[in-house]
């Protein structure tokens, strides 16, 4: 589960919006990430607890693999590990792993 999903689930910022098309700022995340109620997936709005969400929660207990590196997004990496208390292993960017040196720059 991503930091945005956690924020939506924890703070439900879409609840008090007058319209699904009106943007809101994701609370407590670094930067100013905006979403609309229409962009929030139904399973987060309804707080659905099924086999898939249980599997995702169990998988996160061991940590997640992130397709980025700490130096690129330190504020979000710190938020995920220090504020949410989750483990993350930054291994990215994976999109560069099968390219020649001239294509990576």
N, C-alpha and C. Protein backbone atom coordinates (compact mmCIF):
# COMPACT_ATOMS: atom_id res chain seq x y z
N UNK A 1 0.85 -1.18 0.00
CA UNK A 1 0.00 0.00 0.00
C UNK A 1 0.89 1.24 0.00
N UNK A 2 0.50 2.22 -0.74
CA UNK A 2 1.32 3.42 -0.86
C UNK A 2 1.04 4.40 0.27
N UNK A 3 1.90 5.39 0.40
CA UNK A 3 1.70 6.43 1.41
C UNK A 3 0.40 7.18 1.17
N UNK A 4 0.06 7.44 -0.09
CA UNK A 4 -1.21 8.12 -0.40
C UNK A 4 -2.39 7.27 0.04
N UNK A 5 -2.33 5.98 -0.23
CA UNK A 5 -3.43 5.10 0.19
C UNK A 5 -3.56 5.10 1.70
N UNK A 6 -2.43 5.06 2.39
CA UNK A 6 -2.48 5.10 3.86
C UNK A 6 -3.11 6.39 4.35
N UNK A 7 -2.75 7.52 3.74
CA UNK A 7 -3.33 8.81 4.14
C UNK A 7 -4.84 8.84 3.91
N UNK A 8 -5.26 8.34 2.76
CA UNK A 8 -6.70 8.31 2.47
C UNK A 8 -7.42 7.43 3.48
N UNK A 9 -6.86 6.27 3.76
CA UNK A 9 -7.49 5.34 4.70
C UNK A 9 -7.51 5.92 6.12
N UNK A 10 -6.42 6.54 6.55
CA UNK A 10 -6.34 7.06 7.92
C UNK A 10 -7.16 8.33 8.14
N UNK A 11 -7.08 9.27 7.21
CA UNK A 11 -7.65 10.60 7.44
C UNK A 11 -8.95 10.86 6.68
N UNK A 12 -9.27 10.03 5.70
CA UNK A 12 -10.49 10.17 4.90
C UNK A 12 -10.75 11.61 4.48
N UNK A 13 -9.81 12.25 3.79
CA UNK A 13 -9.96 13.67 3.43
C UNK A 13 -11.08 13.93 2.44
N UNK A 14 -11.58 12.91 1.79
CA UNK A 14 -12.66 13.06 0.80
C UNK A 14 -14.04 13.11 1.46
N UNK A 15 -14.15 12.75 2.73
CA UNK A 15 -15.45 12.63 3.40
C UNK A 15 -16.23 13.93 3.46
N UNK A 16 -15.58 15.04 3.73
CA UNK A 16 -16.28 16.31 3.92
C UNK A 16 -16.30 17.18 2.68
N UNK A 17 -15.99 16.61 1.53
CA UNK A 17 -15.97 17.37 0.29
C UNK A 17 -17.39 17.49 -0.26
N UNK A 18 -17.71 18.67 -0.77
CA UNK A 18 -19.05 18.90 -1.33
C UNK A 18 -19.23 18.25 -2.70
N UNK A 19 -18.12 17.95 -3.37
CA UNK A 19 -18.19 17.38 -4.71
C UNK A 19 -17.02 16.42 -4.92
N UNK A 20 -17.27 15.35 -5.66
CA UNK A 20 -16.21 14.39 -5.99
C UNK A 20 -15.18 14.97 -6.95
N UNK A 21 -15.51 16.09 -7.59
CA UNK A 21 -14.58 16.69 -8.54
C UNK A 21 -13.73 17.80 -7.92
N UNK A 22 -14.03 18.16 -6.68
CA UNK A 22 -13.27 19.21 -5.99
C UNK A 22 -11.98 18.61 -5.42
N UNK A 23 -10.83 19.24 -5.68
CA UNK A 23 -9.56 18.69 -5.19
C UNK A 23 -9.35 18.92 -3.69
N UNK A 24 -8.63 18.01 -3.08
CA UNK A 24 -8.20 18.15 -1.69
C UNK A 24 -6.72 17.84 -1.63
N UNK A 25 -6.05 18.36 -0.61
CA UNK A 25 -4.62 18.11 -0.41
C UNK A 25 -4.48 16.90 0.51
N UNK A 26 -3.60 15.98 0.15
CA UNK A 26 -3.37 14.80 0.98
C UNK A 26 -2.75 15.24 2.30
N UNK A 27 -3.40 14.96 3.42
CA UNK A 27 -2.91 15.41 4.71
C UNK A 27 -1.65 14.68 5.17
N UNK A 28 -0.76 15.42 5.79
CA UNK A 28 0.44 14.89 6.44
C UNK A 28 1.48 14.27 5.51
N UNK A 29 1.31 14.41 4.21
CA UNK A 29 2.35 13.95 3.28
C UNK A 29 3.28 15.11 2.95
N UNK A 30 4.55 14.83 2.68
CA UNK A 30 5.44 15.91 2.24
C UNK A 30 4.96 16.47 0.90
N UNK A 31 5.19 17.73 0.68
CA UNK A 31 4.76 18.35 -0.57
C UNK A 31 3.27 18.63 -0.54
N UNK A 32 2.73 18.96 -1.68
CA UNK A 32 1.30 19.25 -1.77
C UNK A 32 0.69 18.39 -2.87
N UNK A 33 0.30 17.18 -2.50
CA UNK A 33 -0.29 16.24 -3.44
C UNK A 33 -1.80 16.44 -3.41
N UNK A 34 -2.38 16.70 -4.58
CA UNK A 34 -3.82 16.93 -4.67
C UNK A 34 -4.50 15.76 -5.38
N UNK A 35 -5.69 15.45 -4.90
CA UNK A 35 -6.54 14.44 -5.52
C UNK A 35 -7.98 14.93 -5.47
N UNK A 36 -8.83 14.28 -6.20
CA UNK A 36 -10.27 14.54 -6.09
C UNK A 36 -10.92 13.28 -5.53
N UNK A 37 -12.12 13.42 -5.03
CA UNK A 37 -12.84 12.27 -4.53
C UNK A 37 -13.05 11.22 -5.61
N UNK A 38 -13.22 11.66 -6.85
CA UNK A 38 -13.41 10.73 -7.96
C UNK A 38 -12.16 9.89 -8.23
N UNK A 39 -10.99 10.36 -7.83
CA UNK A 39 -9.75 9.62 -8.04
C UNK A 39 -9.48 8.60 -6.94
N UNK A 40 -10.20 8.67 -5.85
CA UNK A 40 -10.00 7.73 -4.74
C UNK A 40 -10.68 6.40 -5.10
N UNK A 41 -9.94 5.29 -5.10
CA UNK A 41 -10.54 4.00 -5.44
C UNK A 41 -11.67 3.62 -4.47
N UNK A 42 -12.66 2.93 -5.00
CA UNK A 42 -13.83 2.58 -4.20
C UNK A 42 -13.46 1.77 -2.95
N UNK A 43 -12.45 0.89 -3.05
CA UNK A 43 -12.10 0.06 -1.91
C UNK A 43 -11.52 0.88 -0.76
N UNK A 44 -10.99 2.08 -1.06
CA UNK A 44 -10.53 2.97 0.01
C UNK A 44 -11.69 3.79 0.57
N UNK A 45 -12.61 4.20 -0.30
CA UNK A 45 -13.77 4.96 0.17
C UNK A 45 -14.66 4.11 1.07
N UNK A 46 -14.83 2.87 0.71
CA UNK A 46 -15.73 1.98 1.44
C UNK A 46 -15.00 1.25 2.57
N UNK A 47 -13.67 1.40 2.64
CA UNK A 47 -12.85 0.72 3.64
C UNK A 47 -13.12 -0.79 3.62
N UNK A 48 -13.07 -1.35 2.43
CA UNK A 48 -13.35 -2.77 2.23
C UNK A 48 -12.23 -3.61 2.83
N UNK A 49 -12.61 -4.64 3.55
CA UNK A 49 -11.65 -5.55 4.15
C UNK A 49 -11.94 -6.94 3.59
N UNK A 50 -11.18 -7.34 2.59
CA UNK A 50 -11.39 -8.65 1.97
C UNK A 50 -10.06 -9.41 1.92
N UNK A 51 -10.06 -10.53 1.24
CA UNK A 51 -8.84 -11.36 1.16
C UNK A 51 -7.67 -10.59 0.56
N UNK A 52 -7.94 -9.78 -0.47
CA UNK A 52 -6.87 -9.02 -1.12
C UNK A 52 -6.27 -7.98 -0.17
N UNK A 53 -7.11 -7.22 0.52
CA UNK A 53 -6.58 -6.21 1.44
C UNK A 53 -5.84 -6.86 2.61
N UNK A 54 -6.31 -8.02 3.06
CA UNK A 54 -5.60 -8.74 4.13
C UNK A 54 -4.24 -9.22 3.64
N UNK A 55 -4.19 -9.71 2.40
CA UNK A 55 -2.92 -10.15 1.82
C UNK A 55 -1.94 -8.99 1.71
N UNK A 56 -2.43 -7.84 1.26
CA UNK A 56 -1.58 -6.66 1.14
C UNK A 56 -1.03 -6.24 2.51
N UNK A 57 -1.85 -6.28 3.53
CA UNK A 57 -1.40 -5.91 4.88
C UNK A 57 -0.33 -6.88 5.38
N UNK A 58 -0.55 -8.17 5.17
CA UNK A 58 0.44 -9.16 5.62
C UNK A 58 1.76 -9.01 4.86
N UNK A 59 1.67 -8.74 3.57
CA UNK A 59 2.88 -8.57 2.76
C UNK A 59 3.69 -7.37 3.23
N UNK A 60 3.02 -6.31 3.65
CA UNK A 60 3.72 -5.11 4.09
C UNK A 60 4.44 -5.29 5.42
N UNK A 61 4.03 -6.25 6.21
CA UNK A 61 4.68 -6.48 7.49
C UNK A 61 6.16 -6.81 7.31
N UNK A 62 6.51 -7.46 6.22
CA UNK A 62 7.90 -7.80 5.94
C UNK A 62 8.64 -6.67 5.26
N UNK A 63 7.92 -5.69 4.75
CA UNK A 63 8.52 -4.58 4.03
C UNK A 63 8.13 -4.61 2.56
N UNK A 64 8.39 -3.52 1.88
CA UNK A 64 8.07 -3.43 0.46
C UNK A 64 9.32 -3.10 -0.34
N UNK A 65 9.28 -3.41 -1.62
CA UNK A 65 10.34 -3.07 -2.55
C UNK A 65 9.87 -1.83 -3.30
N UNK A 66 10.72 -0.80 -3.34
CA UNK A 66 10.36 0.47 -3.96
C UNK A 66 11.21 0.68 -5.20
N UNK A 67 10.54 0.97 -6.32
CA UNK A 67 11.24 1.21 -7.58
C UNK A 67 11.70 2.67 -7.64
N UNK A 68 12.54 3.03 -6.71
CA UNK A 68 13.12 4.37 -6.63
C UNK A 68 14.35 4.26 -5.74
N UNK A 69 15.05 5.36 -5.56
CA UNK A 69 16.16 5.33 -4.63
C UNK A 69 16.03 6.48 -3.64
N UNK A 70 16.59 6.28 -2.46
CA UNK A 70 16.39 7.21 -1.35
C UNK A 70 16.76 8.64 -1.72
N UNK A 71 17.87 8.83 -2.41
CA UNK A 71 18.35 10.18 -2.72
C UNK A 71 17.40 10.94 -3.63
N UNK A 72 16.59 10.25 -4.40
CA UNK A 72 15.63 10.90 -5.29
C UNK A 72 14.41 11.42 -4.53
N UNK A 73 13.94 10.66 -3.55
CA UNK A 73 12.72 11.01 -2.83
C UNK A 73 12.89 10.84 -1.32
N UNK A 74 13.84 11.54 -0.70
CA UNK A 74 14.10 11.32 0.72
C UNK A 74 12.93 11.68 1.63
N UNK A 75 12.17 12.71 1.30
CA UNK A 75 11.05 13.11 2.16
C UNK A 75 9.99 12.01 2.22
N UNK A 76 9.70 11.40 1.07
CA UNK A 76 8.69 10.33 1.03
C UNK A 76 9.22 9.03 1.62
N UNK A 77 10.50 8.74 1.39
CA UNK A 77 11.10 7.55 1.98
C UNK A 77 11.10 7.66 3.50
N UNK A 78 11.46 8.83 4.02
CA UNK A 78 11.45 9.03 5.47
C UNK A 78 10.04 8.97 6.03
N UNK A 79 9.08 9.55 5.32
CA UNK A 79 7.69 9.51 5.76
C UNK A 79 7.23 8.05 5.90
N UNK A 80 7.52 7.26 4.90
CA UNK A 80 7.07 5.87 4.89
C UNK A 80 7.67 5.07 6.04
N UNK A 81 8.96 5.26 6.29
CA UNK A 81 9.61 4.46 7.32
C UNK A 81 9.46 5.06 8.72
N UNK A 82 9.57 6.38 8.84
CA UNK A 82 9.55 6.99 10.18
C UNK A 82 8.15 7.33 10.68
N UNK A 83 7.29 7.84 9.81
CA UNK A 83 5.94 8.23 10.24
C UNK A 83 5.01 7.02 10.24
N UNK A 84 5.02 6.25 9.15
CA UNK A 84 4.14 5.09 9.06
C UNK A 84 4.73 3.86 9.74
N UNK A 85 6.04 3.89 9.99
CA UNK A 85 6.69 2.77 10.67
C UNK A 85 6.81 1.52 9.83
N UNK A 86 6.95 1.67 8.54
CA UNK A 86 7.04 0.53 7.63
C UNK A 86 8.45 0.37 7.09
N UNK A 87 8.78 -0.85 6.71
CA UNK A 87 10.08 -1.14 6.11
C UNK A 87 10.00 -0.98 4.60
N UNK A 88 11.05 -0.42 4.02
CA UNK A 88 11.11 -0.26 2.57
C UNK A 88 12.53 -0.51 2.09
N UNK A 89 12.63 -1.19 0.96
CA UNK A 89 13.92 -1.43 0.33
C UNK A 89 13.91 -0.74 -1.03
N UNK A 90 14.74 0.27 -1.16
CA UNK A 90 14.79 1.09 -2.38
C UNK A 90 15.81 0.48 -3.34
N UNK A 91 15.32 0.00 -4.48
CA UNK A 91 16.20 -0.70 -5.42
C UNK A 91 16.19 -0.08 -6.82
N UNK A 92 15.48 1.00 -7.01
CA UNK A 92 15.27 1.55 -8.35
C UNK A 92 16.38 2.45 -8.82
N UNK A 93 16.20 2.96 -9.99
CA UNK A 93 15.09 2.66 -10.91
C UNK A 93 15.34 1.40 -11.71
N UNK A 94 14.39 0.48 -11.66
CA UNK A 94 14.52 -0.79 -12.38
C UNK A 94 14.46 -0.63 -13.88
N UNK A 95 13.85 0.43 -14.35
CA UNK A 95 13.73 0.62 -15.80
C UNK A 95 15.09 0.76 -16.48
N UNK A 96 16.13 1.00 -15.71
CA UNK A 96 17.47 1.18 -16.29
C UNK A 96 18.32 -0.09 -16.24
N UNK A 97 17.83 -1.16 -15.62
CA UNK A 97 18.72 -2.30 -15.36
C UNK A 97 19.11 -3.09 -16.60
N UNK A 98 18.35 -3.07 -17.67
CA UNK A 98 18.71 -3.84 -18.86
C UNK A 98 19.18 -2.97 -20.02
N UNK A 99 19.59 -1.78 -19.75
CA UNK A 99 20.05 -0.88 -20.81
C UNK A 99 21.56 -0.76 -20.78
N UNK A 100 22.11 -0.38 -21.93
CA UNK A 100 23.53 -0.12 -22.01
C UNK A 100 23.86 1.20 -21.35
N UNK A 101 25.12 1.43 -21.05
CA UNK A 101 25.54 2.66 -20.37
C UNK A 101 25.15 3.92 -21.12
N UNK A 102 25.22 3.90 -22.45
CA UNK A 102 24.88 5.10 -23.22
C UNK A 102 23.39 5.44 -23.11
N UNK A 103 22.53 4.47 -22.86
CA UNK A 103 21.10 4.73 -22.73
C UNK A 103 20.71 5.18 -21.32
N UNK A 104 21.54 4.92 -20.34
CA UNK A 104 21.22 5.23 -18.95
C UNK A 104 21.39 6.70 -18.60
N UNK A 105 22.19 7.42 -19.34
CA UNK A 105 22.48 8.80 -18.97
C UNK A 105 21.43 9.77 -19.42
